[in-house]
């Protein structure tokens, strides 16, 4: 009734009392069970049944959830006690869930019963785990160059004090490591700003075509130095998207720089722009931005994790090229803020294709749209 079910285990209750208990259990916005004096479930709301994997009403509580902490809390509640919340770890349908059991006694006409709420803390625990991993990764990324800097300083103050050759070589390495730390801090600040504004959808109209041409023009000297040719393909006319011009510039710049650094083995990087009359994923007109290289490609096993913070396919190579491990994470969050989609296609030895889908606005460009970044 109203999402909660009733069994014959409440014979001593009047119909109105049973209905009221069913309504109350069904209205609670978390998984909840009502258990009678015989430890049999007499009501379960839809959230509880979904969490515990099927129909619960009429079954002994011990057959639904056998965890010792749950059974102990239930026994104490049926004895009239109010136990402290108990942690419970279960794995229904292969998914590990971190629950907290809240049990409380209630007096029914048929005897003492218990209400048991199952608070799902899996999301909170996952967020806490991500926070710990993030702090550990940042600490590691900063500690490594700082340790190297301290070692070089000690050497320059001691044995290499009067050795000009060693001094110049060490100072060069110190400059590179300091630059990497600065890039890391800048990327951390950028990621923090993007996450803080991720719920605010940009409203300014930006000409994506002009923005891409400006970024490519800026990066062309860097690409030529690496022996890579940059080419723009597709629609050359104005392509209007609701966007934050600076953030969208960062997306294009990160993707093209990555293609030059890690996919430049094919000596060519293509940037393609395609209008889409209706994109099902965005439920409207869209533009497809692709950054395609013909380099060595990426093993598909890595693709689902490429946008994780500090995840690298080749840690040594990434650090050697000045990567912080945050570039694609920043791209993902910016695309999310723009209500777009990001996809990565790659095969080992076949190059990589980074695809961005963004909502597009049909019409003529306003004045100053797509200003040069």
Protein backbone atom coordinates (compact mmCIF):
# COMPACT_ATOMS: atom_id res chain seq x y z
CA UNK A 1 0.00 0.00 0.00
CA UNK A 2 1.53 3.27 -1.22
CA UNK A 3 4.79 1.43 -1.81
CA UNK A 4 4.74 -0.69 1.36
CA UNK A 5 3.36 -4.23 1.69
CA UNK A 6 1.51 -5.96 4.49
CA UNK A 7 1.45 -9.56 5.71
CA UNK A 8 -0.53 -11.63 8.13
CA UNK A 9 2.18 -11.04 10.73
CA UNK A 10 0.16 -8.12 12.12
CA UNK A 11 -3.05 -9.97 12.94
CA UNK A 12 -3.33 -8.21 16.28
CA UNK A 13 -3.32 -4.80 14.63
CA UNK A 14 -6.46 -3.14 13.32
CA UNK A 15 -6.74 -2.48 9.64
CA UNK A 16 -6.29 1.27 10.21
CA UNK A 17 -3.16 0.70 12.33
CA UNK A 18 -1.67 -1.62 9.72
CA UNK A 19 -2.45 0.88 6.99
CA UNK A 20 -0.88 3.71 8.95
CA UNK A 21 2.32 1.73 9.59
CA UNK A 22 2.49 0.79 5.90
CA UNK A 23 2.11 4.43 4.85
CA UNK A 24 4.75 5.60 7.32
CA UNK A 25 7.29 2.98 6.23
CA UNK A 26 6.59 3.68 2.57
CA UNK A 27 7.01 7.45 3.00
CA UNK A 28 10.48 7.33 4.53
CA UNK A 29 13.07 8.54 1.97
CA UNK A 30 15.54 5.75 2.74
CA UNK A 31 15.37 1.97 2.83
CA UNK A 32 13.21 0.92 5.80
CA UNK A 33 11.84 -2.34 7.22
CA UNK A 34 9.21 -3.00 9.89
CA UNK A 35 9.94 -6.24 11.77
CA UNK A 36 7.52 -7.96 14.16
CA UNK A 37 8.26 -9.63 17.49
CA UNK A 38 9.09 -12.90 15.70
CA UNK A 39 11.80 -11.14 13.67
CA UNK A 40 9.70 -11.44 10.50
CA UNK A 41 9.47 -8.52 8.08
CA UNK A 42 5.92 -7.16 7.97
CA UNK A 43 6.55 -4.05 5.86
CA UNK A 44 9.31 -2.98 3.46
CA UNK A 45 9.33 0.14 1.35
CA UNK A 46 10.40 0.00 -2.32
CA UNK A 47 13.86 1.38 -1.50
CA UNK A 48 14.49 -1.49 0.92
CA UNK A 49 13.33 -4.12 -1.55
CA UNK A 50 15.48 -2.61 -4.30
CA UNK A 51 18.48 -2.47 -1.98
CA UNK A 52 18.07 -6.02 -0.67
CA UNK A 53 17.34 -7.52 -4.05
CA UNK A 54 13.70 -8.60 -4.09
CA UNK A 55 10.53 -9.16 -2.09
CA UNK A 56 11.22 -9.00 1.63
CA UNK A 57 7.76 -8.97 3.20
CA UNK A 58 6.78 -12.14 5.04
CA UNK A 59 10.34 -13.46 5.26
CA UNK A 60 12.46 -13.80 8.40
CA UNK A 61 14.80 -10.83 8.67
CA UNK A 62 17.77 -13.19 9.07
CA UNK A 63 17.09 -14.67 5.62
CA UNK A 64 17.08 -11.24 3.98
CA UNK A 65 20.24 -9.82 5.54
CA UNK A 66 22.49 -12.17 7.50
CA UNK A 67 25.10 -9.65 8.57
CA UNK A 68 25.94 -10.03 12.32
CA UNK A 69 25.78 -6.28 12.96
CA UNK A 70 22.29 -6.09 11.45
CA UNK A 71 21.01 -9.07 13.42
CA UNK A 72 22.52 -7.79 16.66
CA UNK A 73 20.93 -4.36 16.22
CA UNK A 74 17.57 -5.98 15.40
CA UNK A 75 17.69 -8.26 18.47
CA UNK A 76 18.42 -5.31 20.75
CA UNK A 77 15.60 -3.25 19.24
CA UNK A 78 13.11 -6.13 19.64
CA UNK A 79 14.22 -6.35 23.30
CA UNK A 80 13.22 -2.69 23.75
CA UNK A 81 16.69 -1.19 23.49
CA UNK A 82 17.80 1.49 21.02
CA UNK A 83 21.24 0.39 19.74
CA UNK A 84 23.81 2.73 18.27
CA UNK A 85 23.97 2.85 14.44
CA UNK A 86 25.95 -0.15 13.18
CA UNK A 87 28.06 -0.32 9.99
CA UNK A 88 27.19 -3.11 7.55
CA UNK A 89 28.99 -4.06 4.35
CA UNK A 90 26.98 -6.07 1.82
CA UNK A 91 27.41 -7.01 -1.85
CA UNK A 92 24.00 -7.43 -3.52
CA UNK A 93 24.25 -8.35 -7.22
CA UNK A 94 28.02 -7.97 -7.08
CA UNK A 95 27.93 -4.32 -5.95
CA UNK A 96 29.61 -3.52 -2.66
CA UNK A 97 27.42 -1.27 -0.48
CA UNK A 98 28.40 0.44 2.74
CA UNK A 99 25.30 0.70 4.95
CA UNK A 100 24.59 2.04 8.40
CA UNK A 101 21.80 0.27 10.31
CA UNK A 102 19.50 2.36 12.51
CA UNK A 103 17.14 0.18 14.58
CA UNK A 104 14.47 1.44 16.98
CA UNK A 105 11.83 -0.42 19.03
CA UNK A 106 8.11 0.29 18.55
CA UNK A 107 5.21 -1.11 20.55
CA UNK A 108 2.51 -2.79 18.46
CA UNK A 109 -0.70 -4.48 19.66
CA UNK A 110 0.88 -7.86 18.87
CA UNK A 111 4.00 -7.13 20.92
CA UNK A 112 7.31 -5.34 20.56
CA UNK A 113 8.43 -4.69 16.98
CA UNK A 114 11.24 -2.75 15.37
CA UNK A 115 11.75 -0.23 12.62
CA UNK A 116 15.06 -0.66 10.81
CA UNK A 117 16.42 2.06 8.51
CA UNK A 118 19.29 1.18 6.15
CA UNK A 119 21.32 4.28 5.34
CA UNK A 120 23.37 3.81 2.17
CA UNK A 121 26.71 5.54 2.73
CA UNK A 122 28.42 4.11 -0.36
CA UNK A 123 28.53 7.43 -2.21
CA UNK A 124 29.97 9.23 0.83
CA UNK A 125 32.56 6.50 1.34
CA UNK A 126 33.47 6.64 -2.35
CA UNK A 127 33.87 10.43 -2.17
CA UNK A 128 36.05 10.09 0.94
CA UNK A 129 38.16 7.45 -0.80
CA UNK A 130 38.58 9.76 -3.81
CA UNK A 131 39.62 12.60 -1.48
CA UNK A 132 42.25 10.42 0.19
CA UNK A 133 43.57 9.25 -3.17
CA UNK A 134 43.67 12.82 -4.44
CA UNK A 135 45.63 14.08 -1.42
CA UNK A 136 48.04 11.13 -1.70
CA UNK A 137 48.57 11.74 -5.43
CA UNK A 138 49.15 15.48 -5.01
CA UNK A 139 51.57 14.82 -2.16
CA UNK A 140 53.48 12.32 -4.28
CA UNK A 141 53.57 14.60 -7.33
CA UNK A 142 54.98 17.48 -5.25
CA UNK A 143 57.28 15.44 -3.03
CA UNK A 144 59.26 13.91 -5.91
CA UNK A 145 60.50 17.19 -7.47
CA UNK A 146 60.90 18.85 -4.06
CA UNK A 147 63.13 15.99 -2.90
CA UNK A 148 65.20 16.37 -6.06
CA UNK A 149 65.50 20.14 -5.53
CA UNK A 150 66.66 19.69 -1.95
CA UNK A 151 69.28 17.16 -3.09
CA UNK A 152 70.59 19.48 -5.83
CA UNK A 153 70.78 22.43 -3.42
CA UNK A 154 72.78 20.37 -0.93
CA UNK A 155 75.15 19.26 -3.69
CA UNK A 156 75.61 22.80 -5.01
CA UNK A 157 76.41 24.03 -1.53
CA UNK A 158 78.88 21.24 -0.98
CA UNK A 159 80.92 19.13 -3.44
CA UNK A 160 79.81 20.99 -6.61
CA UNK A 161 80.18 24.51 -5.24
CA UNK A 162 83.02 25.41 -7.58
CA UNK A 163 82.11 23.13 -10.50
CA UNK A 164 80.56 25.36 -13.16
CA UNK A 165 79.53 22.46 -15.41
CA UNK A 166 77.71 20.57 -12.67
CA UNK A 167 76.15 23.79 -11.41
CA UNK A 168 74.68 24.68 -14.81
CA UNK A 169 73.36 21.14 -15.33
CA UNK A 170 71.77 21.02 -11.88
CA UNK A 171 70.25 24.48 -12.26
CA UNK A 172 68.71 23.41 -15.56
CA UNK A 173 67.15 20.35 -13.92
CA UNK A 174 65.95 22.46 -10.98
CA UNK A 175 64.33 24.93 -13.36
CA UNK A 176 62.51 22.08 -15.15
CA UNK A 177 61.27 20.55 -11.89
CA UNK A 178 60.14 23.93 -10.55
CA UNK A 179 58.27 24.54 -13.80
CA UNK A 180 56.50 21.19 -13.46
CA UNK A 181 55.41 22.06 -9.92
CA UNK A 182 54.08 25.42 -11.12
CA UNK A 183 52.11 23.68 -13.89
CA UNK A 184 50.74 21.20 -11.36
CA UNK A 185 49.60 23.98 -9.00
CA UNK A 186 48.06 25.91 -11.90
CA UNK A 187 46.19 22.79 -13.07
CA UNK A 188 44.95 22.12 -9.53
CA UNK A 189 43.65 25.68 -9.27
CA UNK A 190 42.06 25.40 -12.70
CA UNK A 191 40.37 22.11 -11.80
CA UNK A 192 39.08 23.63 -8.56
CA UNK A 193 37.60 26.63 -10.40
CA UNK A 194 35.94 24.43 -13.01
CA UNK A 195 34.41 22.15 -10.38
CA UNK A 196 33.15 25.13 -8.37
CA UNK A 197 31.25 26.48 -11.39
CA UNK A 198 30.21 23.16 -12.94
CA UNK A 199 26.53 23.67 -12.08
CA UNK A 200 26.44 27.08 -13.79
CA UNK A 201 25.83 26.67 -17.49
CA UNK A 202 27.65 29.25 -19.66
CA UNK A 203 25.37 31.61 -21.61
CA UNK A 204 27.80 33.64 -23.76
CA UNK A 205 27.74 32.75 -27.47
CA UNK A 206 31.17 31.80 -28.80
CA UNK A 207 32.21 31.02 -32.37
CA UNK A 208 33.89 27.66 -31.93
CA UNK A 209 35.32 27.68 -35.45
CA UNK A 210 37.16 30.96 -34.86
CA UNK A 211 38.29 29.81 -31.40
CA UNK A 212 39.79 26.59 -32.83
CA UNK A 213 41.64 28.49 -35.56
CA UNK A 214 43.09 30.87 -32.96
CA UNK A 215 44.30 28.03 -30.73
CA UNK A 216 45.84 26.17 -33.67
CA UNK A 217 47.63 29.34 -34.78
CA UNK A 218 49.04 29.75 -31.28
CA UNK A 219 50.23 26.14 -31.03
CA UNK A 220 51.58 25.81 -34.58
CA UNK A 221 55.18 26.84 -33.67
CA UNK A 222 55.23 24.25 -30.86
CA UNK A 223 53.89 21.60 -33.24
CA UNK A 224 56.42 22.45 -35.97
CA UNK A 225 59.24 22.18 -33.43
CA UNK A 226 57.98 18.65 -32.63
CA UNK A 227 57.76 17.82 -36.33
CA UNK A 228 53.96 17.72 -36.34
CA UNK A 229 51.66 19.42 -38.86
CA UNK A 230 48.33 20.78 -37.62
CA UNK A 231 45.34 20.83 -39.96
CA UNK A 232 41.77 22.05 -39.54
CA UNK A 233 39.04 20.23 -41.45
CA UNK A 234 35.26 20.49 -41.74
CA UNK A 235 32.89 23.43 -41.56
CA UNK A 236 34.76 26.73 -41.73
CA UNK A 237 31.76 28.98 -41.13
CA UNK A 238 30.71 30.40 -37.76
CA UNK A 239 29.62 27.73 -35.28
CA UNK A 240 27.88 29.25 -32.27
CA UNK A 241 27.93 27.44 -28.92
CA UNK A 242 26.89 28.68 -25.47
CA UNK A 243 30.27 28.65 -23.79
CA UNK A 244 32.87 30.14 -21.53
CA UNK A 245 35.45 31.20 -24.14
CA UNK A 246 38.44 30.83 -21.79
CA UNK A 247 37.43 27.35 -20.66
CA UNK A 248 36.67 26.18 -24.19
CA UNK A 249 40.07 27.50 -25.27
CA UNK A 250 41.59 25.39 -22.49
CA UNK A 251 39.77 22.29 -23.80
CA UNK A 252 41.01 22.72 -27.37
CA UNK A 253 44.51 23.65 -26.23
CA UNK A 254 44.81 20.64 -23.90
CA UNK A 255 43.61 18.20 -26.55
CA UNK A 256 45.83 19.57 -29.32
CA UNK A 257 48.88 19.77 -27.05
CA UNK A 258 48.32 16.17 -25.95
CA UNK A 259 48.01 15.06 -29.56
CA UNK A 260 51.29 16.80 -30.43
CA UNK A 261 53.13 15.42 -27.39
CA UNK A 262 51.85 11.85 -27.28
CA UNK A 263 50.34 11.19 -30.70
CA UNK A 264 52.76 13.04 -32.92
CA UNK A 265 54.45 9.90 -34.17
CA UNK A 266 52.25 10.10 -37.25
CA UNK A 267 53.57 13.64 -37.96
CA UNK A 268 50.05 15.01 -38.42
CA UNK A 269 47.22 16.07 -36.11
CA UNK A 270 43.79 16.82 -37.57
CA UNK A 271 41.19 19.03 -35.89
CA UNK A 272 37.74 18.39 -37.37
CA UNK A 273 34.55 20.39 -36.87
CA UNK A 274 31.21 18.91 -37.93
CA UNK A 275 27.70 20.32 -37.54
CA UNK A 276 25.04 17.83 -36.45
CA UNK A 277 21.40 18.75 -37.14
CA UNK A 278 20.21 16.71 -34.17
CA UNK A 279 22.42 14.85 -31.74
CA UNK A 280 20.37 12.30 -29.71
CA UNK A 281 22.75 12.47 -26.74
CA UNK A 282 22.21 16.24 -26.45
CA UNK A 283 18.62 16.28 -27.75
CA UNK A 284 19.23 19.02 -30.22
CA UNK A 285 21.66 20.56 -32.73
CA UNK A 286 25.31 20.04 -31.86
CA UNK A 287 28.85 20.44 -33.07
CA UNK A 288 31.34 17.60 -33.08
CA UNK A 289 34.94 18.57 -32.36
CA UNK A 290 37.54 15.87 -33.04
CA UNK A 291 41.27 15.94 -32.38
CA UNK A 292 42.76 13.05 -34.34
CA UNK A 293 46.34 11.84 -34.37
CA UNK A 294 47.92 8.91 -36.19
CA UNK A 295 50.46 8.08 -33.53
CA UNK A 296 51.01 4.89 -31.58
CA UNK A 297 47.52 4.86 -30.06
CA UNK A 298 46.32 3.74 -26.63
CA UNK A 299 45.45 0.26 -25.45
CA UNK A 300 41.63 0.16 -25.00
CA UNK A 301 42.08 -1.11 -21.44
CA UNK A 302 43.20 2.40 -20.44
CA UNK A 303 40.41 4.37 -22.13
CA UNK A 304 37.79 4.28 -19.31
CA UNK A 305 40.31 5.78 -16.86
CA UNK A 306 42.03 8.41 -19.00
CA UNK A 307 39.98 11.27 -17.53
CA UNK A 308 40.73 10.29 -13.92
CA UNK A 309 42.97 12.67 -12.02
CA UNK A 310 46.64 11.70 -12.20
CA UNK A 311 45.94 8.60 -14.28
CA UNK A 312 48.69 8.08 -16.85
CA UNK A 313 49.22 5.38 -19.44
CA UNK A 314 53.00 5.90 -19.21
CA UNK A 315 53.98 7.74 -16.04
CA UNK A 316 57.65 8.21 -16.95
CA UNK A 317 56.90 9.51 -20.45
CA UNK A 318 54.18 11.86 -19.18
CA UNK A 319 56.49 13.44 -16.60
CA UNK A 320 59.30 13.63 -19.13
CA UNK A 321 57.05 15.68 -21.40
CA UNK A 322 55.88 17.93 -18.56
CA UNK A 323 52.44 16.40 -18.03
CA UNK A 324 50.66 16.82 -14.70
CA UNK A 325 48.08 14.04 -15.13
CA UNK A 326 45.22 16.55 -14.76
CA UNK A 327 44.70 17.80 -18.32
CA UNK A 328 41.99 15.36 -19.39
CA UNK A 329 40.26 15.59 -16.00
CA UNK A 330 40.00 19.36 -16.54
CA UNK A 331 38.67 18.80 -20.08
CA UNK A 332 36.02 16.38 -18.79
CA UNK A 333 34.75 18.81 -16.14
CA UNK A 334 34.65 21.73 -18.57
CA UNK A 335 32.70 19.65 -21.10
CA UNK A 336 30.29 18.61 -18.32
CA UNK A 337 29.77 22.26 -17.39
CA UNK A 338 28.90 22.99 -21.03
CA UNK A 339 26.36 20.11 -20.98
CA UNK A 340 28.41 18.31 -23.61
CA UNK A 341 29.78 14.81 -24.05
CA UNK A 342 33.32 13.49 -24.32
CA UNK A 343 34.42 10.25 -25.95
CA UNK A 344 37.82 8.72 -26.65
CA UNK A 345 38.46 6.23 -29.44
CA UNK A 346 41.85 4.60 -29.85
CA UNK A 347 43.59 1.36 -30.70
CA UNK A 348 47.19 0.40 -30.22
CA UNK A 349 49.12 1.35 -33.34
CA UNK A 350 46.10 3.08 -34.92
CA UNK A 351 46.21 6.55 -33.41
CA UNK A 352 43.64 8.28 -31.17
CA UNK A 353 40.51 10.34 -31.64
CA UNK A 354 39.29 12.64 -28.85
CA UNK A 355 35.68 13.61 -29.53
CA UNK A 356 33.79 16.49 -27.93
CA UNK A 357 30.06 17.06 -28.54
CA UNK A 358 28.70 20.49 -27.61
CA UNK A 359 25.21 21.99 -27.91
CA UNK A 360 25.04 24.38 -30.86
CA UNK A 361 22.93 27.46 -31.47
CA UNK A 362 21.64 28.05 -34.98
CA UNK A 363 21.83 31.62 -36.27
CA UNK A 364 24.15 34.46 -37.17
CA UNK A 365 27.13 35.27 -34.93
CA UNK A 366 26.77 38.35 -32.73
CA UNK A 367 29.42 41.05 -32.66
CA UNK A 368 32.75 40.07 -31.12
CA UNK A 369 31.73 36.41 -30.96
CA UNK A 370 34.63 33.98 -30.78
CA UNK A 371 37.22 36.60 -29.87
CA UNK A 372 40.78 35.44 -30.07
CA UNK A 373 41.87 33.84 -26.79
